[in-house]
Amino acid sequence: MEILTLLKANIRHKKGAFVSVILLMMMITLSFSVTVSNNDNVLDGINRSHKTADTGDLAAFIDESKLDDNILKSLSEDENIMRIRDERAMAFLSYKIGEREGKNPYFLLKWDNSLSVFDEKLMEFKAAPDDLSEGEVYVPAAMKTVYGCEIGSEITINTKIGEEKFTVKGFVEDPFLGSMSIGIKQFFLSESDFERLYSENTDDENAAFSLLFPCRIIHIFQAESSGLSVTELKKELNRKCGIVDTALFTQSRESSDEITTIFTETGTKMLCVYVILLILL
């Protein structure tokens, strides 16, 4: 009873400090809840986009001239793999937006409406994205932030038959390689432009890597019965068919998600630490 009496007296005489502490705790709790909820929403959105885009648990980007049929056969017969999706693409090393030049592996793919397209303000997605016409390209939204790319910007790509110029039609949400923290990017062309470039830029062993050349993106979907981690799966597949050694590079969905959510995850963890310190002190 004496403790309760003292507590009531302190609350009555130090009402301002008590109310301040309550308000502070409410603000922290609200901020923490909003941050965690936002983080969960980001993950849910990424997972939905992966499902729509049919992203594999692991993807290998391989020069078409080096892709052996034995690799595909070994993958399709592996007990750790549920299925594979083989997609054609065009690879290149550099491009220009105005006077700015990008230097990383990039890939041109055929647009198939599997990704969401942002509106002009990058705030919402378009309900019915416009189809691409010849000479137009969709690029990841990160290109606007990283390279100052805008709708209407012109992208120049060096190919084996000369320069190709494409006008940015809009920005897409690429859940796999679209993060600002990932240097490698995928661009999307109209069917006619893609098929033309794919047929014209045939394999040439003397061509520089900076020029356009055909490649394949092998999306690998791990079987639910597989007990391997993604890292273990990569090692096992490389041991059996050498896919990692053959590929230009490989990227796991798990790694992509970790990079994409690194800022939201960091913010949530920092707030958690702050809340814990506040409670302890």
Foldseek 3Di string as FASTA:
>chain_A
DVVVVVVVVCCVVVVVVVVVVVVVVVVLVVVLVVLVVVLVVVVVVLVVLCVLVVFFQKKFKFFPVLDDVVLVVCQCPDPFFPDKDKFKWKWAAWKDFVPDMAGGIEIEHADDPSWFFADQVNPDTDPDDDAADPQAKEWAPLCCVPVVDHQQTWMWAQAPVGIRIHGYNGHTHDSQQRANQHSYTYMYHHPVNRVVRQVVREDDPPDDRRHMYMIMMMRTHTDPPDPDDPVRVVVVSCVVRNRCVRGPHMDGSVVSNCSRCVVSVVVSVVSVVVVVVVVVD
